[in-house]
Structure formats: C-alpha cells, structure tokens
Amino acid sequence: MITEAGEQPKKRAHSEPEGRIQAECFAWFWNTYPEYRGLLFHVPSEGNRNSIIDGGRRKALGIVAGVSDLILMLPRHKYHGLCIEMKTEDGRQSDKQKEWQKKVMEQGYDYQVIRSLDEFKTCITEYIFDNGKEKNNTDKAISGRKRTERD
C-alpha cells in the first residue's frame, strides 16, 4: 500500500523573488537574441547551505562565493563580458558579491545589479547596441549609462 506523505513544510528560499525576476530576464533574452543563446547562463551556487557535506562538495566542484547570478560571455565595447547580479528592489549585495564584482571589473568585465525585467532589458540593449548599431569589443563604452554598483 502506498501512502502519501504529509505536506512538507515549505522552506523559504532567500532568492525566490530574485529567481522569478531572473527567470523572466533569461526567457526574454532567449527569445529576443536567439543568435546569442548559450552565451548567457546562470552559475549555480544554490544548495543546502546548512549541510557541511553539500558545502564541501560545492567547494570541491569550484563554487566561488559571491559569483554573479548570470554571466553573458559576449565581448562588447571595452568589456570582455557582462556579469549580472539579480536583486529585489530592497536587496543588497553581500560583502562576497562586492569583492567578486571588484575582481571581475578589474579584469575588464562589466558588472550590473539588476532589479527588474525592464532594467534587465535596458542593460542588455545598451550593452549590445549603441544608437541601434551593434558594437564590437573594440568600441568605447556607451556614454550616459552609469557602470557602477546600484546599491
């Protein structure tokens, strides 16, 4: 006889709202820029943070604390690629995320904190295009757009 287990208590993932925004952003990018599919990806850093075994396994596999949620491996302007950290409207970067942001920016990558689908669309469009013309990796950065942490 098969019995159903009682409903398991729901664990509130700290990034549930961020994950929803990220999924919307990824779907928009996938459908808007099919020529760049596979170049925007999520770096899985989730896991059971309370498990010593899972933490050790993640570390052994190369998980790095603070890595951005999405990475776009598409050189544009003076940047090698774009790192995107998803946050809710009131979310803040951790110290590890700020450290990683500094490291990648020093290596020639752009880094943006994104809080909504509209903000993501603007960021991606400005990163890829300038006045409707696609740029290549030797062009200058887009003027008029702040390229700093938004917290």
N, C-alpha and C. Protein backbone atom coordinates (compact mmCIF):
# COMPACT_ATOMS: atom_id res chain seq x y z
N MET A 1 0.83 -1.17 0.00
CA MET A 1 0.00 0.00 0.00
C MET A 1 0.88 1.25 0.00
N ILE A 2 0.57 2.18 -0.88
CA ILE A 2 1.32 3.42 -0.98
C ILE A 2 0.56 4.48 -0.21
N THR A 3 1.25 5.13 0.66
CA THR A 3 0.63 6.22 1.42
C THR A 3 1.31 7.52 1.04
N GLU A 4 0.54 8.56 1.07
CA GLU A 4 1.09 9.86 0.74
C GLU A 4 1.70 10.48 1.98
N ALA A 5 2.84 11.06 1.79
CA ALA A 5 3.48 11.76 2.90
C ALA A 5 2.72 13.04 3.16
N GLY A 6 2.74 13.45 4.39
CA GLY A 6 2.11 14.73 4.71
C GLY A 6 2.83 15.86 3.99
N GLU A 7 2.15 16.95 3.84
CA GLU A 7 2.76 18.08 3.14
C GLU A 7 3.99 18.54 3.90
N GLN A 8 5.07 18.66 3.17
CA GLN A 8 6.33 19.09 3.76
C GLN A 8 6.29 20.59 4.01
N PRO A 9 6.87 21.03 5.10
CA PRO A 9 6.91 22.48 5.32
C PRO A 9 7.74 23.14 4.22
N LYS A 10 7.25 24.26 3.76
CA LYS A 10 7.96 24.96 2.70
C LYS A 10 9.10 25.76 3.28
N LYS A 11 10.27 25.56 2.69
CA LYS A 11 11.43 26.35 3.09
C LYS A 11 11.44 27.58 2.21
N ARG A 12 11.53 28.71 2.82
CA ARG A 12 11.55 29.94 2.05
C ARG A 12 12.96 30.17 1.54
N ALA A 13 13.10 30.06 0.24
CA ALA A 13 14.41 30.32 -0.36
C ALA A 13 14.64 31.82 -0.34
N HIS A 14 15.81 32.22 0.12
CA HIS A 14 16.09 33.65 0.23
C HIS A 14 16.07 34.33 -1.13
N SER A 15 16.23 33.56 -2.19
CA SER A 15 16.32 34.17 -3.51
C SER A 15 15.08 33.89 -4.36
N GLU A 16 13.97 33.44 -3.76
CA GLU A 16 12.78 33.12 -4.53
C GLU A 16 12.32 34.29 -5.41
N PRO A 17 12.12 35.50 -4.88
CA PRO A 17 11.73 36.62 -5.75
C PRO A 17 12.82 36.96 -6.78
N GLU A 18 14.08 36.86 -6.37
CA GLU A 18 15.18 37.11 -7.32
C GLU A 18 15.17 36.07 -8.42
N GLY A 19 14.89 34.83 -8.04
CA GLY A 19 14.83 33.76 -9.03
C GLY A 19 13.72 33.98 -10.04
N ARG A 20 12.60 34.49 -9.60
CA ARG A 20 11.49 34.77 -10.50
C ARG A 20 11.88 35.86 -11.50
N ILE A 21 12.51 36.92 -11.01
CA ILE A 21 12.98 38.00 -11.89
C ILE A 21 14.01 37.45 -12.87
N GLN A 22 14.93 36.65 -12.36
CA GLN A 22 15.97 36.07 -13.20
C GLN A 22 15.38 35.20 -14.31
N ALA A 23 14.38 34.38 -13.98
CA ALA A 23 13.74 33.52 -14.99
C ALA A 23 13.07 34.36 -16.08
N GLU A 24 12.41 35.43 -15.70
CA GLU A 24 11.78 36.32 -16.67
C GLU A 24 12.84 36.95 -17.58
N CYS A 25 13.93 37.38 -16.99
CA CYS A 25 15.02 38.01 -17.75
C CYS A 25 15.64 37.02 -18.72
N PHE A 26 15.91 35.81 -18.25
CA PHE A 26 16.52 34.80 -19.10
C PHE A 26 15.60 34.46 -20.27
N ALA A 27 14.31 34.29 -20.02
CA ALA A 27 13.36 33.97 -21.08
C ALA A 27 13.30 35.09 -22.12
N TRP A 28 13.29 36.34 -21.64
CA TRP A 28 13.27 37.48 -22.58
C TRP A 28 14.53 37.46 -23.45
N PHE A 29 15.69 37.26 -22.83
CA PHE A 29 16.94 37.25 -23.59
C PHE A 29 16.92 36.11 -24.61
N TRP A 30 16.50 34.92 -24.18
CA TRP A 30 16.46 33.73 -25.04
C TRP A 30 15.60 33.99 -26.28
N ASN A 31 14.46 34.64 -26.09
CA ASN A 31 13.55 34.90 -27.19
C ASN A 31 13.92 36.11 -28.03
N THR A 32 14.60 37.06 -27.44
CA THR A 32 14.96 38.30 -28.13
C THR A 32 16.25 38.17 -28.92
N TYR A 33 17.20 37.42 -28.38
CA TYR A 33 18.51 37.29 -29.01
C TYR A 33 18.86 35.82 -29.25
N PRO A 34 18.15 35.14 -30.16
CA PRO A 34 18.44 33.72 -30.39
C PRO A 34 19.86 33.47 -30.89
N GLU A 35 20.44 34.47 -31.53
CA GLU A 35 21.81 34.32 -32.03
C GLU A 35 22.84 34.25 -30.89
N TYR A 36 22.44 34.66 -29.69
CA TYR A 36 23.35 34.64 -28.54
C TYR A 36 22.99 33.58 -27.50
N ARG A 37 22.08 32.66 -27.88
CA ARG A 37 21.69 31.59 -26.95
C ARG A 37 22.92 30.79 -26.53
N GLY A 38 22.99 30.49 -25.27
CA GLY A 38 24.12 29.75 -24.72
C GLY A 38 25.23 30.64 -24.20
N LEU A 39 25.20 31.92 -24.56
CA LEU A 39 26.22 32.84 -24.08
C LEU A 39 25.82 33.53 -22.78
N LEU A 40 24.52 33.52 -22.48
CA LEU A 40 24.03 33.99 -21.18
C LEU A 40 23.66 32.76 -20.38
N PHE A 41 24.25 32.65 -19.20
CA PHE A 41 23.98 31.46 -18.39
C PHE A 41 24.00 31.79 -16.92
N HIS A 42 23.37 30.90 -16.16
CA HIS A 42 23.30 31.00 -14.71
C HIS A 42 24.43 30.17 -14.11
N VAL A 43 25.07 30.72 -13.12
CA VAL A 43 26.10 29.99 -12.39
C VAL A 43 25.44 29.41 -11.14
N PRO A 44 25.23 28.09 -11.10
CA PRO A 44 24.53 27.52 -9.95
C PRO A 44 25.38 27.60 -8.68
N SER A 45 24.87 28.34 -7.73
CA SER A 45 25.56 28.43 -6.44
C SER A 45 24.61 28.09 -5.31
N GLU A 46 23.41 27.62 -5.69
CA GLU A 46 22.44 27.24 -4.69
C GLU A 46 22.82 25.88 -4.12
N GLY A 47 22.16 25.50 -3.11
CA GLY A 47 22.40 24.21 -2.48
C GLY A 47 21.97 24.29 -1.03
N ASN A 48 22.12 23.22 -0.32
CA ASN A 48 21.77 23.20 1.09
C ASN A 48 22.89 23.86 1.86
N ARG A 49 22.71 25.12 2.17
CA ARG A 49 23.76 25.88 2.86
C ARG A 49 23.95 25.45 4.30
N ASN A 50 23.04 24.64 4.81
CA ASN A 50 23.16 24.14 6.18
C ASN A 50 23.86 22.79 6.25
N SER A 51 24.19 22.23 5.11
CA SER A 51 24.80 20.91 5.07
C SER A 51 26.31 21.02 4.88
N ILE A 52 27.05 20.48 5.82
CA ILE A 52 28.52 20.50 5.71
C ILE A 52 28.96 19.68 4.51
N ILE A 53 28.29 18.55 4.28
CA ILE A 53 28.64 17.68 3.15
C ILE A 53 28.40 18.40 1.83
N ASP A 54 27.22 19.02 1.69
CA ASP A 54 26.92 19.73 0.45
C ASP A 54 27.88 20.90 0.26
N GLY A 55 28.18 21.61 1.33
CA GLY A 55 29.11 22.74 1.24
C GLY A 55 30.49 22.29 0.80
N GLY A 56 30.97 21.19 1.35
CA GLY A 56 32.28 20.66 0.96
C GLY A 56 32.29 20.21 -0.49
N ARG A 57 31.21 19.59 -0.91
CA ARG A 57 31.09 19.13 -2.30
C ARG A 57 31.08 20.32 -3.25
N ARG A 58 30.30 21.35 -2.92
CA ARG A 58 30.24 22.53 -3.78
C ARG A 58 31.60 23.21 -3.87
N LYS A 59 32.30 23.29 -2.76
CA LYS A 59 33.63 23.90 -2.76
C LYS A 59 34.60 23.09 -3.62
N ALA A 60 34.54 21.75 -3.49
CA ALA A 60 35.41 20.87 -4.28
C ALA A 60 35.12 20.99 -5.77
N LEU A 61 33.87 21.30 -6.12
CA LEU A 61 33.50 21.44 -7.53
C LEU A 61 33.86 22.81 -8.10
N GLY A 62 34.32 23.72 -7.25
CA GLY A 62 34.77 25.02 -7.73
C GLY A 62 33.81 26.17 -7.49
N ILE A 63 32.83 25.98 -6.64
CA ILE A 63 31.92 27.07 -6.32
C ILE A 63 32.72 28.20 -5.67
N VAL A 64 32.49 29.40 -6.14
CA VAL A 64 33.16 30.57 -5.61
C VAL A 64 32.11 31.49 -5.00
N ALA A 65 32.29 31.84 -3.76
CA ALA A 65 31.34 32.72 -3.08
C ALA A 65 31.29 34.08 -3.76
N GLY A 66 30.08 34.59 -3.96
CA GLY A 66 29.91 35.93 -4.49
C GLY A 66 29.74 36.03 -6.00
N VAL A 67 29.88 34.92 -6.73
CA VAL A 67 29.77 34.95 -8.18
C VAL A 67 28.38 35.44 -8.58
N SER A 68 28.32 36.23 -9.63
CA SER A 68 27.04 36.80 -10.07
C SER A 68 26.09 35.71 -10.55
N ASP A 69 24.81 36.05 -10.55
CA ASP A 69 23.76 35.11 -10.93
C ASP A 69 23.80 34.73 -12.40
N LEU A 70 24.05 35.70 -13.26
CA LEU A 70 24.10 35.47 -14.71
C LEU A 70 25.40 36.03 -15.26
N ILE A 71 25.90 35.37 -16.28
CA ILE A 71 27.10 35.86 -16.98
C ILE A 71 26.81 35.81 -18.47
N LEU A 72 27.09 36.91 -19.14
CA LEU A 72 26.95 37.00 -20.59
C LEU A 72 28.35 37.03 -21.20
N MET A 73 28.73 35.95 -21.87
CA MET A 73 30.06 35.85 -22.47
C MET A 73 30.02 36.41 -23.89
N LEU A 74 29.84 37.72 -23.96
CA LEU A 74 29.74 38.42 -25.24
C LEU A 74 30.55 39.70 -25.12
N PRO A 75 31.75 39.72 -25.71
CA PRO A 75 32.57 40.93 -25.61
C PRO A 75 31.89 42.10 -26.33
N ARG A 76 31.85 43.22 -25.66
CA ARG A 76 31.30 44.45 -26.24
C ARG A 76 32.04 45.63 -25.64
N HIS A 77 32.23 46.65 -26.49
CA HIS A 77 32.86 47.89 -26.05
C HIS A 77 34.24 47.56 -25.48
N LYS A 78 34.51 47.99 -24.29
CA LYS A 78 35.81 47.70 -23.68
C LYS A 78 35.73 46.50 -22.75
N TYR A 79 34.59 45.81 -22.72
CA TYR A 79 34.37 44.72 -21.77
C TYR A 79 34.51 43.35 -22.42
N HIS A 80 35.01 42.41 -21.63
CA HIS A 80 35.13 41.01 -22.08
C HIS A 80 33.79 40.29 -22.00
N GLY A 81 32.92 40.74 -21.12
CA GLY A 81 31.62 40.12 -20.89
C GLY A 81 30.88 40.92 -19.84
N LEU A 82 29.67 40.44 -19.53
CA LEU A 82 28.80 41.14 -18.59
C LEU A 82 28.36 40.19 -17.48
N CYS A 83 28.57 40.60 -16.25
CA CYS A 83 28.14 39.84 -15.07
C CYS A 83 26.94 40.56 -14.47
N ILE A 84 25.89 39.78 -14.19
CA ILE A 84 24.64 40.37 -13.70
C ILE A 84 24.26 39.74 -12.37
N GLU A 85 24.09 40.57 -11.38
CA GLU A 85 23.61 40.13 -10.07
C GLU A 85 22.16 40.54 -9.95
N MET A 86 21.29 39.57 -9.71
CA MET A 86 19.86 39.84 -9.58
C MET A 86 19.55 40.16 -8.12
N LYS A 87 18.80 41.22 -7.91
CA LYS A 87 18.37 41.60 -6.57
C LYS A 87 16.94 42.09 -6.63
N THR A 88 16.24 41.95 -5.52
CA THR A 88 14.92 42.54 -5.41
C THR A 88 15.10 44.04 -5.22
N GLU A 89 14.00 44.76 -5.20
CA GLU A 89 14.06 46.21 -5.06
C GLU A 89 14.82 46.63 -3.81
N ASP A 90 14.69 45.89 -2.72
CA ASP A 90 15.38 46.25 -1.49
C ASP A 90 16.55 45.32 -1.16
N GLY A 91 16.89 44.42 -2.07
CA GLY A 91 18.01 43.50 -1.85
C GLY A 91 19.35 44.20 -1.93
N ARG A 92 20.31 43.72 -1.19
CA ARG A 92 21.65 44.30 -1.17
C ARG A 92 22.69 43.23 -1.44
N GLN A 93 23.78 43.62 -2.04
CA GLN A 93 24.88 42.69 -2.29
C GLN A 93 25.56 42.32 -0.98
N SER A 94 25.99 41.08 -0.91
CA SER A 94 26.79 40.65 0.23
C SER A 94 28.21 41.17 0.06
N ASP A 95 28.99 41.10 1.12
CA ASP A 95 30.39 41.50 1.02
C ASP A 95 31.13 40.65 -0.01
N LYS A 96 30.84 39.35 -0.05
CA LYS A 96 31.49 38.44 -1.02
C LYS A 96 31.12 38.84 -2.45
N GLN A 97 29.87 39.24 -2.68
CA GLN A 97 29.46 39.67 -4.01
C GLN A 97 30.17 40.96 -4.41
N LYS A 98 30.34 41.86 -3.46
CA LYS A 98 31.06 43.10 -3.75
C LYS A 98 32.52 42.83 -4.06
N GLU A 99 33.13 41.88 -3.34
CA GLU A 99 34.52 41.50 -3.61
C GLU A 99 34.65 40.92 -5.01
N TRP A 100 33.72 40.03 -5.38
CA TRP A 100 33.78 39.41 -6.70
C TRP A 100 33.54 40.45 -7.80
N GLN A 101 32.62 41.38 -7.55
CA GLN A 101 32.39 42.46 -8.50
C GLN A 101 33.68 43.23 -8.77
N LYS A 102 34.39 43.57 -7.71
CA LYS A 102 35.65 44.31 -7.85
C LYS A 102 36.66 43.51 -8.67
N LYS A 103 36.78 42.21 -8.37
CA LYS A 103 37.73 41.36 -9.09
C LYS A 103 37.44 41.31 -10.58
N VAL A 104 36.17 41.07 -10.95
CA VAL A 104 35.87 40.92 -12.37
C VAL A 104 35.95 42.25 -13.11
N MET A 105 35.60 43.35 -12.44
CA MET A 105 35.72 44.65 -13.09
C MET A 105 37.18 45.00 -13.33
N GLU A 106 38.06 44.61 -12.40
CA GLU A 106 39.50 44.84 -12.59
C GLU A 106 40.04 44.03 -13.76
N GLN A 107 39.36 42.95 -14.12
CA GLN A 107 39.80 42.10 -15.23
C GLN A 107 39.12 42.45 -16.55
N GLY A 108 38.34 43.53 -16.57
CA GLY A 108 37.76 44.00 -17.82
C GLY A 108 36.36 43.52 -18.12
N TYR A 109 35.62 43.10 -17.09
CA TYR A 109 34.23 42.69 -17.27
C TYR A 109 33.32 43.77 -16.72
N ASP A 110 32.17 43.93 -17.36
CA ASP A 110 31.16 44.83 -16.84
C ASP A 110 30.37 44.07 -15.78
N TYR A 111 29.81 44.79 -14.82
CA TYR A 111 29.05 44.17 -13.74
C TYR A 111 27.87 45.08 -13.44
N GLN A 112 26.67 44.50 -13.41
CA GLN A 112 25.47 45.28 -13.13
C GLN A 112 24.60 44.56 -12.12
N VAL A 113 24.00 45.33 -11.23
CA VAL A 113 22.99 44.83 -10.30
C VAL A 113 21.64 45.17 -10.93
N ILE A 114 20.82 44.14 -11.15
CA ILE A 114 19.55 44.30 -11.85
C ILE A 114 18.41 43.95 -10.90
N ARG A 115 17.35 44.76 -10.94
CA ARG A 115 16.23 44.60 -10.00
C ARG A 115 14.88 44.35 -10.67
N SER A 116 14.83 44.36 -12.00
CA SER A 116 13.55 44.15 -12.68
C SER A 116 13.80 43.73 -14.12
N LEU A 117 12.76 43.20 -14.75
CA LEU A 117 12.85 42.83 -16.17
C LEU A 117 13.12 44.05 -17.02
N ASP A 118 12.45 45.16 -16.74
CA ASP A 118 12.67 46.38 -17.53
C ASP A 118 14.11 46.86 -17.42
N GLU A 119 14.64 46.81 -16.22
CA GLU A 119 16.04 47.22 -16.02
C GLU A 119 16.99 46.29 -16.78
N PHE A 120 16.68 44.98 -16.77
CA PHE A 120 17.48 44.00 -17.50
C PHE A 120 17.44 44.29 -19.00
N LYS A 121 16.26 44.55 -19.53
CA LYS A 121 16.13 44.84 -20.97
C LYS A 121 16.98 46.05 -21.35
N THR A 122 16.91 47.09 -20.55
CA THR A 122 17.70 48.30 -20.82
C THR A 122 19.19 47.99 -20.75
N CYS A 123 19.59 47.28 -19.72
CA CYS A 123 21.00 46.94 -19.54
C CYS A 123 21.53 46.14 -20.73
N ILE A 124 20.81 45.10 -21.11
CA ILE A 124 21.26 44.23 -22.22
C ILE A 124 21.27 45.00 -23.53
N THR A 125 20.22 45.76 -23.79
CA THR A 125 20.14 46.52 -25.04
C THR A 125 21.28 47.52 -25.12
N GLU A 126 21.55 48.22 -24.03
CA GLU A 126 22.64 49.19 -24.04
C GLU A 126 24.00 48.50 -24.11
N TYR A 127 24.10 47.32 -23.53
CA TYR A 127 25.37 46.59 -23.58
C TYR A 127 25.66 46.13 -25.01
N ILE A 128 24.66 45.64 -25.70
CA ILE A 128 24.86 45.09 -27.04
C ILE A 128 24.87 46.17 -28.11
N PHE A 129 23.99 47.17 -27.97
CA PHE A 129 23.80 48.17 -29.02
C PHE A 129 24.08 49.58 -28.53
N ASP A 130 24.39 50.44 -29.49
CA ASP A 130 24.53 51.87 -29.21
C ASP A 130 23.87 52.61 -30.35
N ASN A 131 22.80 53.33 -30.06
CA ASN A 131 22.05 54.06 -31.09
C ASN A 131 21.61 53.15 -32.24
N GLY A 132 21.22 51.92 -31.89
CA GLY A 132 20.71 51.00 -32.90
C GLY A 132 21.77 50.29 -33.70
N LYS A 133 23.05 50.56 -33.44
CA LYS A 133 24.13 49.91 -34.19
C LYS A 133 24.86 48.96 -33.26
N GLU A 134 25.02 47.72 -33.71
CA GLU A 134 25.73 46.74 -32.90
C GLU A 134 27.19 47.15 -32.80
N LYS A 135 27.75 46.98 -31.61
CA LYS A 135 29.14 47.37 -31.37
C LYS A 135 30.01 46.13 -31.34
N ASN A 136 31.29 46.31 -31.50
CA ASN A 136 32.20 45.17 -31.31
C ASN A 136 33.07 45.43 -30.10
N ASN A 137 33.90 44.49 -29.75
CA ASN A 137 34.62 44.58 -28.49
C ASN A 137 35.73 45.63 -28.46
N THR A 138 35.94 46.34 -29.55
CA THR A 138 36.96 47.39 -29.53
C THR A 138 36.34 48.77 -29.37
N ASP A 139 35.01 48.85 -29.38
CA ASP A 139 34.35 50.14 -29.25
C ASP A 139 34.37 50.66 -27.82
N LYS A 140 34.12 51.93 -27.71
CA LYS A 140 34.08 52.58 -26.39
C LYS A 140 32.79 52.23 -25.67
N ALA A 141 32.80 52.39 -24.36
CA ALA A 141 31.60 52.15 -23.55
C ALA A 141 30.52 53.16 -23.92
N ILE A 142 29.31 52.78 -23.71
CA ILE A 142 28.18 53.64 -24.02
C ILE A 142 28.21 54.84 -23.08
N SER A 143 28.08 56.02 -23.66
CA SER A 143 28.06 57.21 -22.80
C SER A 143 26.67 57.39 -22.21
N GLY A 144 26.61 58.01 -21.08
CA GLY A 144 25.35 58.30 -20.45
C GLY A 144 24.81 57.19 -19.55
N ARG A 145 25.43 56.06 -19.51
CA ARG A 145 24.96 54.96 -18.66
C ARG A 145 25.95 54.77 -17.53
N LYS A 146 25.44 54.78 -16.33
CA LYS A 146 26.30 54.55 -15.18
C LYS A 146 26.73 53.09 -15.18
N ARG A 147 27.97 52.84 -14.99
CA ARG A 147 28.50 51.50 -14.93
C ARG A 147 29.06 51.25 -13.54
N THR A 148 28.23 51.52 -12.55
CA THR A 148 28.66 51.36 -11.17
C THR A 148 27.62 50.56 -10.42
N GLU A 149 27.96 50.14 -9.22
CA GLU A 149 27.03 49.42 -8.35
C GLU A 149 25.83 50.31 -8.09
N ARG A 150 24.65 49.72 -8.08
CA ARG A 150 23.43 50.50 -7.91
C ARG A 150 22.92 50.47 -6.49
N ASP A 151 23.64 49.94 -5.54
CA ASP A 151 23.19 49.88 -4.14
C ASP A 151 23.60 51.14 -3.41
